[in-house]
Amino acid sequence: MRAIQSLERAGEQRMLSPELERFCSEWIARADQYPDASVEGCYDRFFSLFVVFNRLYAETTFELARRGSIRLQPGRPLPDKEGATKHTLELIGVADFQDLCDTRLAGNIRDIAELVDEGRFFIKLSTPDGNPQPNKDRALIAGLRSSGEAQALAVLDLVYTVRCNLFHGDKAFRPIQAELLRPTIAVLSGVIESLHNALNQTAA
């Protein structure tokens, strides 16, 4: 099963730069090579898709700066977390993101919220020791189970935090990790499609 179903179709309608389209297509093809039957495949699939998301939300940040919606500080790195969360939501739009959650991601979001609520996974870990922060996890769960902007930001925050936990944390290839990664990969795939479509509409 392909990680992203309609990226190419959207790109045929309204093209971003050929270089950006090629970059996304190549990394999505790489993600498609990794089945999610194993935890190793889940890790590789998530990592590959996040490369695409990272490129798209960086482009989103530049687009919002061109519009004057945000101001970038010269000589400073792009605001990474804001790009993955607030800027992504601003470009997609709350209504379209809500439609994505309702029509495609509802089951995945519900499954993730239940896994965290049951204490099977801790998402919001303290820095630098990596200890659980139950209060922050409960706030995340509440956001995932809400609607509108609150749910959208919680979903995006979840994806970004899982990425940080995997990239910067000490995570072993334990089979249990796949329980969280499979629905998170589905969410990430949906967000990538929506953001890609929003950027193409901007470029039209």
C-alpha atoms as a PDB file:
ATOM      1  CA  MET A   1       0.000   0.000   0.000  1.00  0.00           C
ATOM      2  CA  ARG A   2       1.338   3.409  -0.944  1.00  0.00           C
ATOM      3  CA  ALA A   3       2.138   5.833   1.845  1.00  0.00           C
ATOM      4  CA  ILE A   4       0.567   8.730  -0.066  1.00  0.00           C
ATOM      5  CA  GLN A   5      -2.271   8.040  -2.464  1.00  0.00           C
ATOM      6  CA  SER A   6      -2.921  11.337  -4.260  1.00  0.00           C
ATOM      7  CA  LEU A   7       0.237  13.422  -4.108  1.00  0.00           C
ATOM      8  CA  GLU A   8       1.038  12.991  -7.785  1.00  0.00           C
ATOM      9  CA  ARG A   9      -2.534  13.715  -8.873  1.00  0.00           C
ATOM     10  CA  ALA A  10      -2.543  16.932  -6.874  1.00  0.00           C
ATOM     11  CA  GLY A  11       0.798  17.894  -8.339  1.00  0.00           C
ATOM     12  CA  GLU A  12      -0.516  17.419 -11.889  1.00  0.00           C
ATOM     13  CA  GLN A  13      -3.176  20.038 -11.233  1.00  0.00           C
ATOM     14  CA  ARG A  14      -1.042  22.768  -9.633  1.00  0.00           C
ATOM     15  CA  MET A  15       2.692  22.316  -9.661  1.00  0.00           C
ATOM     16  CA  LEU A  16       5.173  23.581  -7.126  1.00  0.00           C
ATOM     17  CA  SER A  17       8.780  23.725  -8.278  1.00  0.00           C
ATOM     18  CA  PRO A  18       9.878  20.588 -10.123  1.00  0.00           C
ATOM     19  CA  GLU A  19      12.737  20.198  -7.650  1.00  0.00           C
ATOM     20  CA  LEU A  20      10.380  20.178  -4.668  1.00  0.00           C
ATOM     21  CA  GLU A  21       7.957  17.792  -6.362  1.00  0.00           C
ATOM     22  CA  ARG A  22      10.801  15.435  -7.266  1.00  0.00           C
ATOM     23  CA  PHE A  23      12.203  15.567  -3.734  1.00  0.00           C
ATOM     24  CA  CYS A  24       8.830  14.670  -2.215  1.00  0.00           C
ATOM     25  CA  SER A  25       8.090  11.923  -4.738  1.00  0.00           C
ATOM     26  CA  GLU A  26      11.467  10.272  -4.242  1.00  0.00           C
ATOM     27  CA  TRP A  27      11.190  10.220  -0.452  1.00  0.00           C
ATOM     28  CA  ILE A  28       7.608   8.964  -0.591  1.00  0.00           C
ATOM     29  CA  ALA A  29       8.743   6.180  -2.916  1.00  0.00           C
ATOM     30  CA  ARG A  30      11.433   5.338  -0.380  1.00  0.00           C
ATOM     31  CA  ALA A  31       8.815   5.221   2.394  1.00  0.00           C
ATOM     32  CA  ASP A  32       6.707   2.867   0.279  1.00  0.00           C
ATOM     33  CA  GLN A  33       9.572   0.366   0.289  1.00  0.00           C
ATOM     34  CA  TYR A  34       9.243  -0.171   4.036  1.00  0.00           C
ATOM     35  CA  PRO A  35       6.311  -2.349   5.136  1.00  0.00           C
ATOM     36  CA  ASP A  36       4.885  -1.577   8.548  1.00  0.00           C
ATOM     37  CA  ALA A  37       4.651  -5.253   9.513  1.00  0.00           C
ATOM     38  CA  SER A  38       7.848  -4.915  11.561  1.00  0.00           C
ATOM     39  CA  VAL A  39       8.908  -2.265  14.026  1.00  0.00           C
ATOM     40  CA  GLU A  40      12.031  -1.633  11.939  1.00  0.00           C
ATOM     41  CA  GLY A  41       9.849  -0.978   8.914  1.00  0.00           C
ATOM     42  CA  CYS A  42       7.696   1.404  10.947  1.00  0.00           C
ATOM     43  CA  TYR A  43      10.740   3.396  12.010  1.00  0.00           C
ATOM     44  CA  ASP A  44      12.093   3.636   8.449  1.00  0.00           C
ATOM     45  CA  ARG A  45       8.668   4.505   7.033  1.00  0.00           C
ATOM     46  CA  PHE A  46       8.071   7.234   9.622  1.00  0.00           C
ATOM     47  CA  PHE A  47      11.561   8.702   9.198  1.00  0.00           C
ATOM     48  CA  SER A  48      11.234   8.816   5.394  1.00  0.00           C
ATOM     49  CA  LEU A  49       7.820  10.469   5.504  1.00  0.00           C
ATOM     50  CA  PHE A  50       8.969  13.009   8.050  1.00  0.00           C
ATOM     51  CA  VAL A  51      11.710  14.114   5.658  1.00  0.00           C
ATOM     52  CA  VAL A  52       8.911  15.042   3.229  1.00  0.00           C
ATOM     53  CA  PHE A  53       6.899  16.789   5.930  1.00  0.00           C
ATOM     54  CA  ASN A  54       9.964  18.725   7.079  1.00  0.00           C
ATOM     55  CA  ARG A  55      10.605  20.013   3.569  1.00  0.00           C
ATOM     56  CA  LEU A  56       6.958  20.973   3.097  1.00  0.00           C
ATOM     57  CA  TYR A  57       6.581  22.829   6.376  1.00  0.00           C
ATOM     58  CA  ALA A  58       9.835  24.699   5.719  1.00  0.00           C
ATOM     59  CA  GLU A  59       8.343  25.818   2.399  1.00  0.00           C
ATOM     60  CA  THR A  60       5.148  26.692   4.255  1.00  0.00           C
ATOM     61  CA  THR A  61       7.098  28.919   6.636  1.00  0.00           C
ATOM     62  CA  PHE A  62       8.688  30.744   3.693  1.00  0.00           C
ATOM     63  CA  GLU A  63       5.280  31.161   2.046  1.00  0.00           C
ATOM     64  CA  LEU A  64       3.743  32.674   5.169  1.00  0.00           C
ATOM     65  CA  ALA A  65       6.730  35.017   5.452  1.00  0.00           C
ATOM     66  CA  ARG A  66       6.202  36.108   1.838  1.00  0.00           C
ATOM     67  CA  ARG A  67       2.572  36.853   2.675  1.00  0.00           C
ATOM     68  CA  GLY A  68       3.595  38.873   5.702  1.00  0.00           C
ATOM     69  CA  SER A  69       1.757  36.543   8.094  1.00  0.00           C
ATOM     70  CA  ILE A  70       4.955  35.848  10.021  1.00  0.00           C
ATOM     71  CA  ARG A  71       8.353  37.539  10.293  1.00  0.00           C
ATOM     72  CA  LEU A  72      11.556  35.542  10.076  1.00  0.00           C
ATOM     73  CA  GLN A  73      14.589  36.713  11.998  1.00  0.00           C
ATOM     74  CA  PRO A  74      17.641  37.223   9.753  1.00  0.00           C
ATOM     75  CA  GLY A  75      20.510  34.928  10.622  1.00  0.00           C
ATOM     76  CA  ARG A  76      18.375  32.692  12.824  1.00  0.00           C
ATOM     77  CA  PRO A  77      17.191  29.135  12.049  1.00  0.00           C
ATOM     78  CA  LEU A  78      13.670  28.581  10.832  1.00  0.00           C
ATOM     79  CA  PRO A  79      11.217  28.049  13.704  1.00  0.00           C
ATOM     80  CA  ASP A  80      11.022  24.261  13.351  1.00  0.00           C
ATOM     81  CA  LYS A  81       8.264  23.344  15.785  1.00  0.00           C
ATOM     82  CA  GLU A  82       6.134  26.319  14.776  1.00  0.00           C
ATOM     83  CA  GLY A  83       6.548  25.286  11.136  1.00  0.00           C
ATOM     84  CA  ALA A  84       5.364  21.761  11.875  1.00  0.00           C
ATOM     85  CA  THR A  85       2.392  22.904  13.940  1.00  0.00           C
ATOM     86  CA  LYS A  86       1.104  26.496  13.808  1.00  0.00           C
ATOM     87  CA  HIS A  87       2.362  27.348  10.321  1.00  0.00           C
ATOM     88  CA  THR A  88       1.150  24.053   8.859  1.00  0.00           C
ATOM     89  CA  LEU A  89      -2.303  24.593  10.314  1.00  0.00           C
ATOM     90  CA  GLU A  90      -2.447  28.185   9.086  1.00  0.00           C
ATOM     91  CA  LEU A  91      -1.742  27.162   5.503  1.00  0.00           C
ATOM     92  CA  ILE A  92      -4.061  24.143   5.463  1.00  0.00           C
ATOM     93  CA  GLY A  93      -6.793  25.998   7.338  1.00  0.00           C
ATOM     94  CA  VAL A  94      -8.795  24.829  10.345  1.00  0.00           C
ATOM     95  CA  ALA A  95     -11.854  23.814   8.301  1.00  0.00           C
ATOM     96  CA  ASP A  96      -9.860  21.671   5.870  1.00  0.00           C
ATOM     97  CA  PHE A  97      -7.858  20.128   8.691  1.00  0.00           C
ATOM     98  CA  GLN A  98     -11.069  19.294  10.530  1.00  0.00           C
ATOM     99  CA  ASP A  99     -12.381  17.632   7.380  1.00  0.00           C
ATOM    100  CA  LEU A 100      -9.157  15.595   7.175  1.00  0.00           C
ATOM    101  CA  CYS A 101      -9.575  14.469  10.781  1.00  0.00           C
ATOM    102  CA  ASP A 102     -13.260  13.628  10.379  1.00  0.00           C
ATOM    103  CA  THR A 103     -13.124  11.811   7.053  1.00  0.00           C
ATOM    104  CA  ARG A 104      -9.756  10.071   7.099  1.00  0.00           C
ATOM    105  CA  LEU A 105      -7.921  10.184  10.407  1.00  0.00           C
ATOM    106  CA  ALA A 106     -10.633   9.835  13.059  1.00  0.00           C
ATOM    107  CA  GLY A 107      -9.905   6.181  13.801  1.00  0.00           C
ATOM    108  CA  ASN A 108      -6.154   6.705  13.961  1.00  0.00           C
ATOM    109  CA  ILE A 109      -6.487   9.717  16.258  1.00  0.00           C
ATOM    110  CA  ARG A 110      -8.848   7.785  18.514  1.00  0.00           C
ATOM    111  CA  ASP A 111      -6.450   4.820  18.679  1.00  0.00           C
ATOM    112  CA  ILE A 112      -3.496   7.041  19.571  1.00  0.00           C
ATOM    113  CA  ALA A 113      -5.457   8.848  22.295  1.00  0.00           C
ATOM    114  CA  GLU A 114      -6.472   5.507  23.793  1.00  0.00           C
ATOM    115  CA  LEU A 115      -2.898   4.171  23.774  1.00  0.00           C
ATOM    116  CA  VAL A 116      -1.668   7.231  25.642  1.00  0.00           C
ATOM    117  CA  ASP A 117      -4.675   7.327  27.973  1.00  0.00           C
ATOM    118  CA  GLU A 118      -4.079   3.682  28.939  1.00  0.00           C
ATOM    119  CA  GLY A 119      -0.476   4.495  29.831  1.00  0.00           C
ATOM    120  CA  ARG A 120       0.963   2.236  27.134  1.00  0.00           C
ATOM    121  CA  PHE A 121       2.975   5.160  25.767  1.00  0.00           C
ATOM    122  CA  PHE A 122       4.309   8.413  27.160  1.00  0.00           C
ATOM    123  CA  ILE A 123       4.552  11.178  24.590  1.00  0.00           C
ATOM    124  CA  LYS A 124       5.551  14.345  26.427  1.00  0.00           C
ATOM    125  CA  LEU A 125       8.936  13.492  27.931  1.00  0.00           C
ATOM    126  CA  SER A 126      10.999  15.881  30.039  1.00  0.00           C
ATOM    127  CA  THR A 127      14.325  17.264  28.850  1.00  0.00           C
ATOM    128  CA  PRO A 128      17.031  16.066  29.179  1.00  0.00           C
ATOM    129  CA  ASP A 129      16.187  13.033  31.337  1.00  0.00           C
ATOM    130  CA  GLY A 130      13.243  11.763  29.280  1.00  0.00           C
ATOM    131  CA  ASN A 131      10.887  11.197  32.203  1.00  0.00           C
ATOM    132  CA  PRO A 132       7.112  11.008  31.589  1.00  0.00           C
ATOM    133  CA  GLN A 133       5.046  14.132  32.153  1.00  0.00           C
ATOM    134  CA  PRO A 134       1.511  12.836  32.842  1.00  0.00           C
ATOM    135  CA  ASN A 135      -0.090  16.279  33.037  1.00  0.00           C
ATOM    136  CA  LYS A 136       1.164  17.205  29.587  1.00  0.00           C
ATOM    137  CA  ASP A 137       0.071  13.841  28.194  1.00  0.00           C
ATOM    138  CA  ARG A 138      -3.413  14.370  29.614  1.00  0.00           C
ATOM    139  CA  ALA A 139      -3.556  17.787  27.951  1.00  0.00           C
ATOM    140  CA  LEU A 140      -2.494  16.182  24.668  1.00  0.00           C
ATOM    141  CA  ILE A 141      -5.206  13.529  24.994  1.00  0.00           C
ATOM    142  CA  ALA A 142      -7.809  16.213  25.646  1.00  0.00           C
ATOM    143  CA  GLY A 143      -6.703  18.021  22.503  1.00  0.00           C
ATOM    144  CA  LEU A 144      -6.823  14.873  20.380  1.00  0.00           C
ATOM    145  CA  ARG A 145     -10.373  14.224  21.597  1.00  0.00           C
ATOM    146  CA  SER A 146     -11.551  17.776  20.952  1.00  0.00           C
ATOM    147  CA  SER A 147     -12.293  19.414  17.597  1.00  0.00           C
ATOM    148  CA  GLY A 148     -11.397  22.401  15.479  1.00  0.00           C
ATOM    149  CA  GLU A 149      -8.169  24.276  16.076  1.00  0.00           C
ATOM    150  CA  ALA A 150      -7.474  22.571  19.418  1.00  0.00           C
ATOM    151  CA  GLN A 151      -7.622  19.111  17.866  1.00  0.00           C
ATOM    152  CA  ALA A 152      -5.597  20.150  14.819  1.00  0.00           C
ATOM    153  CA  LEU A 153      -2.782  21.586  16.925  1.00  0.00           C
ATOM    154  CA  ALA A 154      -2.814  18.494  19.163  1.00  0.00           C
ATOM    155  CA  VAL A 155      -2.533  16.203  16.138  1.00  0.00           C
ATOM    156  CA  LEU A 156       0.371  18.192  14.708  1.00  0.00           C
ATOM    157  CA  ASP A 157       2.042  18.427  18.102  1.00  0.00           C
ATOM    158  CA  LEU A 158       1.749  14.655  18.475  1.00  0.00           C
ATOM    159  CA  VAL A 159       3.438  13.998  15.133  1.00  0.00           C
ATOM    160  CA  TYR A 160       6.244  16.447  15.869  1.00  0.00           C
ATOM    161  CA  THR A 161       6.795  15.129  19.402  1.00  0.00           C
ATOM    162  CA  VAL A 162       6.918  11.506  18.234  1.00  0.00           C
ATOM    163  CA  ARG A 163       9.532  12.589  15.708  1.00  0.00           C
ATOM    164  CA  CYS A 164      11.589  14.254  18.451  1.00  0.00           C
ATOM    165  CA  ASN A 165      11.277  11.205  20.701  1.00  0.00           C
ATOM    166  CA  LEU A 166      12.510   8.900  17.938  1.00  0.00           C
ATOM    167  CA  PHE A 167      15.249  11.151  16.573  1.00  0.00           C
ATOM    168  CA  HIS A 168      16.650  12.399  19.850  1.00  0.00           C
ATOM    169  CA  GLY A 169      15.622   9.738  22.341  1.00  0.00           C
ATOM    170  CA  ASP A 170      16.993   6.309  23.148  1.00  0.00           C
ATOM    171  CA  LYS A 171      14.350   4.144  21.481  1.00  0.00           C
ATOM    172  CA  ALA A 172      15.040   0.445  20.963  1.00  0.00           C
ATOM    173  CA  PHE A 173      13.419  -1.561  18.163  1.00  0.00           C
ATOM    174  CA  ARG A 174      10.807  -3.074  20.459  1.00  0.00           C
ATOM    175  CA  PRO A 175       7.686  -4.500  18.812  1.00  0.00           C
ATOM    176  CA  ILE A 176       5.415  -2.463  21.084  1.00  0.00           C
ATOM    177  CA  GLN A 177       6.624   0.750  19.389  1.00  0.00           C
ATOM    178  CA  ALA A 178       4.813  -0.297  16.211  1.00  0.00           C
ATOM    179  CA  GLU A 179       1.462   0.033  18.013  1.00  0.00           C
ATOM    180  CA  LEU A 180       1.955   3.777  18.207  1.00  0.00           C
ATOM    181  CA  LEU A 181       3.874   4.252  14.972  1.00  0.00           C
ATOM    182  CA  ARG A 182       1.309   2.635  12.646  1.00  0.00           C
ATOM    183  CA  PRO A 183      -1.528   5.080  13.387  1.00  0.00           C
ATOM    184  CA  THR A 184       0.942   7.964  13.629  1.00  0.00           C
ATOM    185  CA  ILE A 185       2.272   7.122  10.163  1.00  0.00           C
ATOM    186  CA  ALA A 186      -1.296   7.213   8.827  1.00  0.00           C
ATOM    187  CA  VAL A 187      -1.799  10.627  10.415  1.00  0.00           C
ATOM    188  CA  LEU A 188       1.505  11.917   9.041  1.00  0.00           C
ATOM    189  CA  SER A 189       0.586  10.691   5.544  1.00  0.00           C
ATOM    190  CA  GLY A 190      -2.712  12.557   5.662  1.00  0.00           C
ATOM    191  CA  VAL A 191      -1.065  15.748   6.872  1.00  0.00           C
ATOM    192  CA  ILE A 192       1.540  15.559   4.100  1.00  0.00           C
ATOM    193  CA  GLU A 193      -1.146  15.258   1.435  1.00  0.00           C
ATOM    194  CA  SER A 194      -3.151  18.158   2.835  1.00  0.00           C
ATOM    195  CA  LEU A 195      -0.127  20.416   3.187  1.00  0.00           C
ATOM    196  CA  HIS A 196       1.116  19.538  -0.284  1.00  0.00           C
ATOM    197  CA  ASN A 197      -2.303  20.359  -1.734  1.00  0.00           C
ATOM    198  CA  ALA A 198      -2.433  23.659   0.162  1.00  0.00           C
ATOM    199  CA  LEU A 199       1.006  24.646  -1.146  1.00  0.00           C
ATOM    200  CA  ASN A 200      -0.024  23.776  -4.699  1.00  0.00           C
ATOM    201  CA  GLN A 201      -3.117  25.943  -4.378  1.00  0.00           C
ATOM    202  CA  THR A 202      -0.897  28.762  -3.150  1.00  0.00           C
ATOM    203  CA  ALA A 203       1.387  28.335  -6.160  1.00  0.00           C
ATOM    204  CA  ALA A 204      -1.476  28.365  -8.658  1.00  0.00           C
END
